Amino acid sequence: MNWIECSYEYDGSYHGLLCCVFDSYTRRERPISISISGGAQTSLYTVHLVQTDMIHARRVLKSLYLKSCKAASLVKQSYLTCLPDKELVIYRLICKLYDEGPDFLKNPTDPAVYPLHTAIRHMSGELEKLRGFIRFSEFNGFYVAEIEPKNRVLPALRNHFCNRFADQAFLIYDRTHKEALLYSGGHWEIGPVDSFEMARPDKNEAQYRTLWKTFYDTISINERTNSRCQRTQMPLRYRNTMTEFQNADYFIEQEPPLTDAAVHVSLTTGD
């Protein structure tokens, strides 16, 4: 029986992607594209809308671990990257794993492996910088930060910040992917955010922001400024959410006094 070529659309979740693999094999179809439903893409091929089914996703995940734990980990990490057409690249790796076994994974230059390893290295570099560049603001004992990553880094950042803030409540909002990591009382959740708004700081927070900005400005030596080196160590794209690079309005305390509605966020259940 020949395989039929078509286009797949799914809900954008990790389990939804695994269901794309399940549907491909049960329906004897080879997707020539896998995209998130609701996009503006058009296709000359028949479009199949993949329904996310946890039973199907677990069956595919179990088969990956039976073939290779390394492959299962590679698929999970690759899903979080910003690799263009990552779904199709991941799908092709899984197909090759089923057809040939895991030996090809030992070769990092293999065409099925190389783009995923490259994307993961890029994400690892972004994670390393974000662990040091994330700036928290404090609102009545609740800590809030915003980031603008290229990759979906919140799952990878979770352990670091949940351990670091083990006895505190915090939220990290990903502006790029419109999702948030929320932690409180030893429990965490990552999910899509319908809306997010950070209030202006109260007097204490405004003072801390000003102190940090003053410290940053004071330790710099104008005569030794090396803009190229600074951009390498602290790329421009990270500075939009860093306290020391904000304009004057960021350091002005709010009026009237701060209330419990400092952070307005609607967090819906994610994967």
C-alpha atoms as a PDB file:
ATOM      1  CA  MET A   1       0.000   0.000   0.000  1.00  0.00           C
ATOM      2  CA  ASN A   2       1.390   3.412  -0.989  1.00  0.00           C
ATOM      3  CA  TRP A   3       1.636   6.285   1.444  1.00  0.00           C
ATOM      4  CA  ILE A   4      -0.522   9.321   0.697  1.00  0.00           C
ATOM      5  CA  GLU A   5       0.985  12.810   0.797  1.00  0.00           C
ATOM      6  CA  CYS A   6      -0.979  15.505   2.626  1.00  0.00           C
ATOM      7  CA  SER A   7      -0.630  18.493   4.956  1.00  0.00           C
ATOM      8  CA  TYR A   8      -1.092  18.197   8.711  1.00  0.00           C
ATOM      9  CA  GLU A   9      -2.338  20.809  11.133  1.00  0.00           C
ATOM     10  CA  TYR A  10      -2.233  20.395  14.928  1.00  0.00           C
ATOM     11  CA  ASP A  11      -2.791  22.446  18.084  1.00  0.00           C
ATOM     12  CA  GLY A  12       0.874  23.342  18.620  1.00  0.00           C
ATOM     13  CA  SER A  13       1.332  21.207  21.744  1.00  0.00           C
ATOM     14  CA  TYR A  14       4.017  18.587  22.280  1.00  0.00           C
ATOM     15  CA  HIS A  15       1.427  15.849  22.644  1.00  0.00           C
ATOM     16  CA  GLY A  16      -0.305  17.121  19.532  1.00  0.00           C
ATOM     17  CA  LEU A  17       2.930  16.700  17.604  1.00  0.00           C
ATOM     18  CA  LEU A  18       3.224  13.102  18.823  1.00  0.00           C
ATOM     19  CA  CYS A  19      -0.335  12.543  17.616  1.00  0.00           C
ATOM     20  CA  CYS A  20       0.769  13.718  14.166  1.00  0.00           C
ATOM     21  CA  VAL A  21       3.188  10.779  14.140  1.00  0.00           C
ATOM     22  CA  PHE A  22       0.445   8.417  15.301  1.00  0.00           C
ATOM     23  CA  ASP A  23      -2.007   9.556  12.626  1.00  0.00           C
ATOM     24  CA  SER A  24       0.657   9.356   9.949  1.00  0.00           C
ATOM     25  CA  TYR A  25       1.275   5.667  10.574  1.00  0.00           C
ATOM     26  CA  THR A  26      -2.299   4.625  11.235  1.00  0.00           C
ATOM     27  CA  ARG A  27      -3.622   6.515   8.193  1.00  0.00           C
ATOM     28  CA  ARG A  28      -0.639   5.613   5.979  1.00  0.00           C
ATOM     29  CA  GLU A  29       0.046   9.273   5.232  1.00  0.00           C
ATOM     30  CA  ARG A  30       3.297  11.186   4.773  1.00  0.00           C
ATOM     31  CA  PRO A  31       2.817  14.847   5.739  1.00  0.00           C
ATOM     32  CA  ILE A  32       4.713  17.237   3.471  1.00  0.00           C
ATOM     33  CA  SER A  33       4.068  19.985   6.042  1.00  0.00           C
ATOM     34  CA  ILE A  34       3.063  20.117   9.703  1.00  0.00           C
ATOM     35  CA  SER A  35       1.789  23.454  10.939  1.00  0.00           C
ATOM     36  CA  ILE A  36      -0.206  24.883  13.814  1.00  0.00           C
ATOM     37  CA  SER A  37      -3.902  25.125  12.999  1.00  0.00           C
ATOM     38  CA  GLY A  38      -5.343  28.576  12.573  1.00  0.00           C
ATOM     39  CA  GLY A  39      -2.348  29.931  10.674  1.00  0.00           C
ATOM     40  CA  ALA A  40      -2.464  31.712   7.345  1.00  0.00           C
ATOM     41  CA  GLN A  41      -0.779  28.895   5.417  1.00  0.00           C
ATOM     42  CA  THR A  42      -2.491  27.427   2.382  1.00  0.00           C
ATOM     43  CA  SER A  43      -1.746  24.073   0.802  1.00  0.00           C
ATOM     44  CA  LEU A  44      -2.401  22.361  -2.523  1.00  0.00           C
ATOM     45  CA  TYR A  45      -2.540  19.072  -0.624  1.00  0.00           C
ATOM     46  CA  THR A  46      -5.386  17.632   1.398  1.00  0.00           C
ATOM     47  CA  VAL A  47      -5.268  19.042   4.929  1.00  0.00           C
ATOM     48  CA  HIS A  48      -5.725  16.700   7.880  1.00  0.00           C
ATOM     49  CA  LEU A  49      -6.524  18.320  11.238  1.00  0.00           C
ATOM     50  CA  VAL A  50      -4.859  16.181  13.901  1.00  0.00           C
ATOM     51  CA  GLN A  51      -6.789  15.809  17.144  1.00  0.00           C
ATOM     52  CA  THR A  52      -4.691  15.638  20.299  1.00  0.00           C
ATOM     53  CA  ASP A  53      -5.361  12.336  22.053  1.00  0.00           C
ATOM     54  CA  MET A  54      -3.265  11.589  25.138  1.00  0.00           C
ATOM     55  CA  ILE A  55      -3.581   7.829  24.614  1.00  0.00           C
ATOM     56  CA  HIS A  56      -2.154   8.140  21.117  1.00  0.00           C
ATOM     57  CA  ALA A  57       0.568  10.511  22.301  1.00  0.00           C
ATOM     58  CA  ARG A  58       1.637   8.136  25.083  1.00  0.00           C
ATOM     59  CA  ARG A  59       1.818   5.234  22.636  1.00  0.00           C
ATOM     60  CA  VAL A  60       4.186   7.193  20.393  1.00  0.00           C
ATOM     61  CA  LEU A  61       6.242   8.394  23.367  1.00  0.00           C
ATOM     62  CA  LYS A  62       6.530   4.827  24.683  1.00  0.00           C
ATOM     63  CA  SER A  63       7.697   3.613  21.271  1.00  0.00           C
ATOM     64  CA  LEU A  64      10.397   6.320  21.219  1.00  0.00           C
ATOM     65  CA  TYR A  65      11.742   5.262  24.607  1.00  0.00           C
ATOM     66  CA  LEU A  66      11.723   1.618  23.536  1.00  0.00           C
ATOM     67  CA  LYS A  67      13.785   2.513  20.485  1.00  0.00           C
ATOM     68  CA  SER A  68      16.119   5.004  22.183  1.00  0.00           C
ATOM     69  CA  CYS A  69      15.945   7.156  25.329  1.00  0.00           C
ATOM     70  CA  LYS A  70      18.372   9.512  23.607  1.00  0.00           C
ATOM     71  CA  ALA A  71      15.977   9.957  20.694  1.00  0.00           C
ATOM     72  CA  ALA A  72      13.041  10.617  23.024  1.00  0.00           C
ATOM     73  CA  SER A  73      15.040  13.316  24.814  1.00  0.00           C
ATOM     74  CA  LEU A  74      16.176  14.808  21.494  1.00  0.00           C
ATOM     75  CA  VAL A  75      12.581  15.041  20.288  1.00  0.00           C
ATOM     76  CA  LYS A  76      11.392  16.709  23.504  1.00  0.00           C
ATOM     77  CA  GLN A  77      14.192  19.291  23.506  1.00  0.00           C
ATOM     78  CA  SER A  78      13.835  19.981  19.780  1.00  0.00           C
ATOM     79  CA  TYR A  79      10.148  20.725  20.195  1.00  0.00           C
ATOM     80  CA  LEU A  80      11.061  23.681  22.453  1.00  0.00           C
ATOM     81  CA  THR A  81      13.402  25.270  19.894  1.00  0.00           C
ATOM     82  CA  CYS A  82      12.689  27.974  17.316  1.00  0.00           C
ATOM     83  CA  LEU A  83      13.954  25.811  14.445  1.00  0.00           C
ATOM     84  CA  PRO A  84      11.968  26.652  11.265  1.00  0.00           C
ATOM     85  CA  ASP A  85       9.636  23.792  10.296  1.00  0.00           C
ATOM     86  CA  LYS A  86      10.771  21.941  13.406  1.00  0.00           C
ATOM     87  CA  GLU A  87       7.694  19.693  13.356  1.00  0.00           C
ATOM     88  CA  LEU A  88       8.604  18.230   9.977  1.00  0.00           C
ATOM     89  CA  VAL A  89      12.282  17.861  10.939  1.00  0.00           C
ATOM     90  CA  ILE A  90      11.287  16.031  14.141  1.00  0.00           C
ATOM     91  CA  TYR A  91       8.823  13.859  12.239  1.00  0.00           C
ATOM     92  CA  ARG A  92      11.512  12.798   9.754  1.00  0.00           C
ATOM     93  CA  LEU A  93      13.891  11.907  12.562  1.00  0.00           C
ATOM     94  CA  ILE A  94      11.216   9.719  14.178  1.00  0.00           C
ATOM     95  CA  CYS A  95      10.504   7.997  10.847  1.00  0.00           C
ATOM     96  CA  LYS A  96      14.196   7.260  10.403  1.00  0.00           C
ATOM     97  CA  LEU A  97      14.372   5.940  13.955  1.00  0.00           C
ATOM     98  CA  TYR A  98      11.516   3.528  13.238  1.00  0.00           C
ATOM     99  CA  ASP A  99      12.996   2.446   9.907  1.00  0.00           C
ATOM    100  CA  GLU A 100      16.684   2.126  10.774  1.00  0.00           C
ATOM    101  CA  GLY A 101      16.989   1.978  14.556  1.00  0.00           C
ATOM    102  CA  PRO A 102      18.994   4.376  16.746  1.00  0.00           C
ATOM    103  CA  ASP A 103      22.543   3.856  15.407  1.00  0.00           C
ATOM    104  CA  PHE A 104      22.390   6.966  13.195  1.00  0.00           C
ATOM    105  CA  LEU A 105      22.004   9.110  16.326  1.00  0.00           C
ATOM    106  CA  LYS A 106      25.680   8.524  17.075  1.00  0.00           C
ATOM    107  CA  ASN A 107      26.597  10.627  14.041  1.00  0.00           C
ATOM    108  CA  PRO A 108      25.925  14.336  14.838  1.00  0.00           C
ATOM    109  CA  THR A 109      26.404  15.220  11.158  1.00  0.00           C
ATOM    110  CA  ASP A 110      23.601  12.932  10.005  1.00  0.00           C
ATOM    111  CA  PRO A 111      21.069  15.025   7.997  1.00  0.00           C
ATOM    112  CA  ALA A 112      18.254  13.915  10.317  1.00  0.00           C
ATOM    113  CA  VAL A 113      20.186  14.830  13.464  1.00  0.00           C
ATOM    114  CA  TYR A 114      22.339  17.853  12.623  1.00  0.00           C
ATOM    115  CA  PRO A 115      19.605  20.546  12.393  1.00  0.00           C
ATOM    116  CA  LEU A 116      18.106  19.445  15.711  1.00  0.00           C
ATOM    117  CA  HIS A 117      21.461  19.436  17.502  1.00  0.00           C
ATOM    118  CA  THR A 118      22.181  22.901  16.088  1.00  0.00           C
ATOM    119  CA  ALA A 119      18.808  24.222  17.271  1.00  0.00           C
ATOM    120  CA  ILE A 120      19.313  22.760  20.753  1.00  0.00           C
ATOM    121  CA  ARG A 121      22.757  24.373  21.009  1.00  0.00           C
ATOM    122  CA  HIS A 122      21.172  27.699  20.127  1.00  0.00           C
ATOM    123  CA  MET A 123      18.544  27.216  22.820  1.00  0.00           C
ATOM    124  CA  SER A 124      21.209  26.231  25.361  1.00  0.00           C
ATOM    125  CA  GLY A 125      23.057  29.485  24.695  1.00  0.00           C
ATOM    126  CA  GLU A 126      19.843  31.443  25.186  1.00  0.00           C
ATOM    127  CA  LEU A 127      19.131  29.602  28.438  1.00  0.00           C
ATOM    128  CA  GLU A 128      22.593  30.382  29.785  1.00  0.00           C
ATOM    129  CA  LYS A 129      22.099  34.091  29.162  1.00  0.00           C
ATOM    130  CA  LEU A 130      18.561  34.221  30.516  1.00  0.00           C
ATOM    131  CA  ARG A 131      19.584  32.645  33.826  1.00  0.00           C
ATOM    132  CA  GLY A 132      21.643  35.769  34.407  1.00  0.00           C
ATOM    133  CA  PHE A 133      19.622  38.380  32.523  1.00  0.00           C
ATOM    134  CA  ILE A 134      16.135  37.844  33.972  1.00  0.00           C
ATOM    135  CA  ARG A 135      15.168  40.792  36.166  1.00  0.00           C
ATOM    136  CA  PHE A 136      12.430  40.335  38.777  1.00  0.00           C
ATOM    137  CA  SER A 137      10.198  43.035  40.229  1.00  0.00           C
ATOM    138  CA  GLU A 138       8.612  42.581  43.656  1.00  0.00           C
ATOM    139  CA  PHE A 139       4.915  43.276  44.316  1.00  0.00           C
ATOM    140  CA  ASN A 140       3.794  42.633  47.899  1.00  0.00           C
ATOM    141  CA  GLY A 141       6.041  39.573  48.183  1.00  0.00           C
ATOM    142  CA  PHE A 142       5.217  38.278  44.681  1.00  0.00           C
ATOM    143  CA  TYR A 143       8.048  38.362  42.128  1.00  0.00           C
ATOM    144  CA  VAL A 144       7.391  38.986  38.435  1.00  0.00           C
ATOM    145  CA  ALA A 145       9.666  38.999  35.390  1.00  0.00           C
ATOM    146  CA  GLU A 146       9.230  39.255  31.637  1.00  0.00           C
ATOM    147  CA  ILE A 147      11.370  37.748  28.884  1.00  0.00           C
ATOM    148  CA  GLU A 148      11.408  37.789  25.068  1.00  0.00           C
ATOM    149  CA  PRO A 149      13.124  34.529  24.068  1.00  0.00           C
ATOM    150  CA  LYS A 150      13.297  33.020  20.601  1.00  0.00           C
ATOM    151  CA  ASN A 151      12.849  29.500  21.991  1.00  0.00           C
ATOM    152  CA  ARG A 152      10.195  28.150  24.373  1.00  0.00           C
ATOM    153  CA  VAL A 153      12.550  28.254  27.324  1.00  0.00           C
ATOM    154  CA  LEU A 154      10.178  28.201  30.308  1.00  0.00           C
ATOM    155  CA  PRO A 155      10.188  24.374  30.710  1.00  0.00           C
ATOM    156  CA  ALA A 156      13.987  24.418  30.685  1.00  0.00           C
ATOM    157  CA  LEU A 157      14.200  27.366  33.100  1.00  0.00           C
ATOM    158  CA  ARG A 158      11.699  25.870  35.529  1.00  0.00           C
ATOM    159  CA  ASN A 159      14.052  23.814  37.715  1.00  0.00           C
ATOM    160  CA  HIS A 160      16.600  26.617  38.031  1.00  0.00           C
ATOM    161  CA  PHE A 161      14.152  29.259  39.247  1.00  0.00           C
ATOM    162  CA  CYS A 162      11.887  26.964  41.268  1.00  0.00           C
ATOM    163  CA  ASN A 163      14.950  25.853  43.224  1.00  0.00           C
ATOM    164  CA  ARG A 164      16.282  29.392  43.500  1.00  0.00           C
ATOM    165  CA  PHE A 165      12.930  30.784  44.709  1.00  0.00           C
ATOM    166  CA  ALA A 166      11.833  27.659  46.575  1.00  0.00           C
ATOM    167  CA  ASP A 167      10.150  29.588  49.402  1.00  0.00           C
ATOM    168  CA  GLN A 168       8.790  32.459  47.296  1.00  0.00           C
ATOM    169  CA  ALA A 169       6.006  32.963  44.771  1.00  0.00           C
ATOM    170  CA  PHE A 170       6.960  34.163  41.299  1.00  0.00           C
ATOM    171  CA  LEU A 171       5.834  34.423  37.702  1.00  0.00           C
ATOM    172  CA  ILE A 172       7.933  34.596  34.534  1.00  0.00           C
ATOM    173  CA  TYR A 173       6.039  35.787  31.472  1.00  0.00           C
ATOM    174  CA  ASP A 174       7.234  34.874  27.982  1.00  0.00           C
ATOM    175  CA  ARG A 175       6.158  37.720  25.704  1.00  0.00           C
ATOM    176  CA  THR A 176       7.141  35.872  22.534  1.00  0.00           C
ATOM    177  CA  HIS A 177       5.049  32.750  23.082  1.00  0.00           C
ATOM    178  CA  LYS A 178       2.445  34.346  25.395  1.00  0.00           C
ATOM    179  CA  GLU A 179       2.830  31.820  28.173  1.00  0.00           C
ATOM    180  CA  ALA A 180       3.932  31.972  31.795  1.00  0.00           C
ATOM    181  CA  LEU A 181       5.651  29.934  34.462  1.00  0.00           C
ATOM    182  CA  LEU A 182       3.817  30.366  37.762  1.00  0.00           C
ATOM    183  CA  TYR A 183       5.268  29.029  41.026  1.00  0.00           C
ATOM    184  CA  SER A 184       3.817  29.193  44.530  1.00  0.00           C
ATOM    185  CA  GLY A 185       3.903  27.011  47.630  1.00  0.00           C
ATOM    186  CA  GLY A 186       6.066  24.347  46.036  1.00  0.00           C
ATOM    187  CA  HIS A 187       3.761  23.932  43.014  1.00  0.00           C
ATOM    188  CA  TRP A 188       4.360  25.152  39.483  1.00  0.00           C
ATOM    189  CA  GLU A 189       2.414  25.446  36.246  1.00  0.00           C
ATOM    190  CA  ILE A 190       3.295  26.505  32.706  1.00  0.00           C
ATOM    191  CA  GLY A 191       0.427  27.569  30.509  1.00  0.00           C
ATOM    192  CA  PRO A 192      -0.779  30.019  27.868  1.00  0.00           C
ATOM    193  CA  VAL A 193      -1.643  33.511  29.059  1.00  0.00           C
ATOM    194  CA  ASP A 194      -4.725  35.284  27.759  1.00  0.00           C
ATOM    195  CA  SER A 195      -3.633  38.685  29.047  1.00  0.00           C
ATOM    196  CA  PHE A 196      -0.766  40.119  31.068  1.00  0.00           C
ATOM    197  CA  GLU A 197      -0.114  43.533  32.534  1.00  0.00           C
ATOM    198  CA  MET A 198       2.537  44.527  35.056  1.00  0.00           C
ATOM    199  CA  ALA A 199       1.657  47.484  37.281  1.00  0.00           C
ATOM    200  CA  ARG A 200       3.960  50.369  38.049  1.00  0.00           C
ATOM    201  CA  PRO A 201       6.272  49.840  41.045  1.00  0.00           C
ATOM    202  CA  ASP A 202       5.535  50.960  44.570  1.00  0.00           C
ATOM    203  CA  LYS A 203       7.991  53.196  46.434  1.00  0.00           C
ATOM    204  CA  ASN A 204      10.283  50.357  47.582  1.00  0.00           C
ATOM    205  CA  GLU A 205      10.407  48.643  44.198  1.00  0.00           C
ATOM    206  CA  ALA A 206      11.067  51.957  42.437  1.00  0.00           C
ATOM    207  CA  GLN A 207      13.978  52.581  44.829  1.00  0.00           C
ATOM    208  CA  TYR A 208      15.449  49.136  44.186  1.00  0.00           C
ATOM    209  CA  ARG A 209      15.182  49.638  40.435  1.00  0.00           C
ATOM    210  CA  THR A 210      16.916  52.999  40.752  1.00  0.00           C
ATOM    211  CA  LEU A 211      19.668  51.506  42.922  1.00  0.00           C
ATOM    212  CA  TRP A 212      20.316  48.762  40.382  1.00  0.00           C
ATOM    213  CA  LYS A 213      20.399  51.276  37.529  1.00  0.00           C
ATOM    214  CA  THR A 214      22.771  53.502  39.531  1.00  0.00           C
ATOM    215  CA  PHE A 215      25.038  50.554  40.307  1.00  0.00           C
ATOM    216  CA  TYR A 216      25.170  49.559  36.636  1.00  0.00           C
ATOM    217  CA  ASP A 217      25.987  53.107  35.535  1.00  0.00           C
ATOM    218  CA  THR A 218      28.568  53.608  38.300  1.00  0.00           C
ATOM    219  CA  ILE A 219      30.709  50.532  37.649  1.00  0.00           C
ATOM    220  CA  SER A 220      31.008  51.285  33.938  1.00  0.00           C
ATOM    221  CA  ILE A 221      34.175  53.057  32.771  1.00  0.00           C
ATOM    222  CA  ASN A 222      33.429  55.282  29.797  1.00  0.00           C
ATOM    223  CA  GLU A 223      37.057  55.331  28.658  1.00  0.00           C
ATOM    224  CA  ARG A 224      37.053  51.539  28.378  1.00  0.00           C
ATOM    225  CA  THR A 225      33.670  51.141  26.702  1.00  0.00           C
ATOM    226  CA  ASN A 226      33.735  48.394  24.076  1.00  0.00           C
ATOM    227  CA  SER A 227      30.350  48.293  22.382  1.00  0.00           C
ATOM    228  CA  ARG A 228      31.169  45.248  20.280  1.00  0.00           C
ATOM    229  CA  CYS A 229      32.216  43.229  23.328  1.00  0.00           C
ATOM    230  CA  GLN A 230      29.107  44.393  25.219  1.00  0.00           C
ATOM    231  CA  ARG A 231      26.833  43.247  22.416  1.00  0.00           C
ATOM    232  CA  THR A 232      28.548  39.861  22.441  1.00  0.00           C
ATOM    233  CA  GLN A 233      28.219  39.378  26.193  1.00  0.00           C
ATOM    234  CA  MET A 234      24.822  41.098  26.486  1.00  0.00           C
ATOM    235  CA  PRO A 235      23.051  41.012  23.086  1.00  0.00           C
ATOM    236  CA  LEU A 236      20.680  43.870  22.305  1.00  0.00           C
ATOM    237  CA  ARG A 237      17.619  41.638  22.057  1.00  0.00           C
ATOM    238  CA  TYR A 238      17.786  40.794  25.786  1.00  0.00           C
ATOM    239  CA  ARG A 239      17.839  44.418  26.926  1.00  0.00           C
ATOM    240  CA  ASN A 240      14.144  45.173  26.413  1.00  0.00           C
ATOM    241  CA  THR A 241      13.334  43.415  29.683  1.00  0.00           C
ATOM    242  CA  MET A 242      16.438  44.320  31.714  1.00  0.00           C
ATOM    243  CA  THR A 243      16.072  46.976  34.419  1.00  0.00           C
ATOM    244  CA  GLU A 244      19.317  48.786  33.649  1.00  0.00           C
ATOM    245  CA  PHE A 245      18.238  49.576  30.069  1.00  0.00           C
ATOM    246  CA  GLN A 246      14.734  50.935  30.736  1.00  0.00           C
ATOM    247  CA  ASN A 247      13.635  54.532  30.238  1.00  0.00           C
ATOM    248  CA  ALA A 248      12.826  56.980  33.052  1.00  0.00           C
ATOM    249  CA  ASP A 249       9.146  55.978  33.339  1.00  0.00           C
ATOM    250  CA  TYR A 250      10.163  52.513  34.500  1.00  0.00           C
ATOM    251  CA  PHE A 251      11.592  53.970  37.724  1.00  0.00           C
ATOM    252  CA  ILE A 252       8.634  56.168  38.717  1.00  0.00           C
ATOM    253  CA  GLU A 253       6.470  54.814  41.543  1.00  0.00           C
ATOM    254  CA  GLN A 254       2.779  54.436  40.922  1.00  0.00           C
ATOM    255  CA  GLU A 255      -0.012  56.642  42.158  1.00  0.00           C
ATOM    256  CA  PRO A 256      -2.232  55.807  44.021  1.00  0.00           C
ATOM    257  CA  PRO A 257      -0.474  53.373  46.425  1.00  0.00           C
ATOM    258  CA  LEU A 258       0.046  49.786  45.313  1.00  0.00           C
ATOM    259  CA  THR A 259      -2.856  47.366  45.685  1.00  0.00           C
ATOM    260  CA  ASP A 260      -3.108  43.608  45.379  1.00  0.00           C
ATOM    261  CA  ALA A 261      -3.978  44.069  41.689  1.00  0.00           C
ATOM    262  CA  ALA A 262      -0.339  44.797  40.835  1.00  0.00           C
ATOM    263  CA  VAL A 263      -0.162  42.029  38.277  1.00  0.00           C
ATOM    264  CA  HIS A 264      -3.126  41.190  36.070  1.00  0.00           C
ATOM    265  CA  VAL A 265      -2.761  37.792  34.447  1.00  0.00           C
ATOM    266  CA  SER A 266      -5.134  35.127  33.170  1.00  0.00           C
ATOM    267  CA  LEU A 267      -3.383  31.771  33.085  1.00  0.00           C
ATOM    268  CA  THR A 268      -5.133  28.901  31.360  1.00  0.00           C
ATOM    269  CA  THR A 269      -4.155  25.252  31.652  1.00  0.00           C
ATOM    270  CA  GLY A 270      -1.315  24.203  29.307  1.00  0.00           C
ATOM    271  CA  ASP A 271       0.335  20.877  28.449  1.00  0.00           C
END
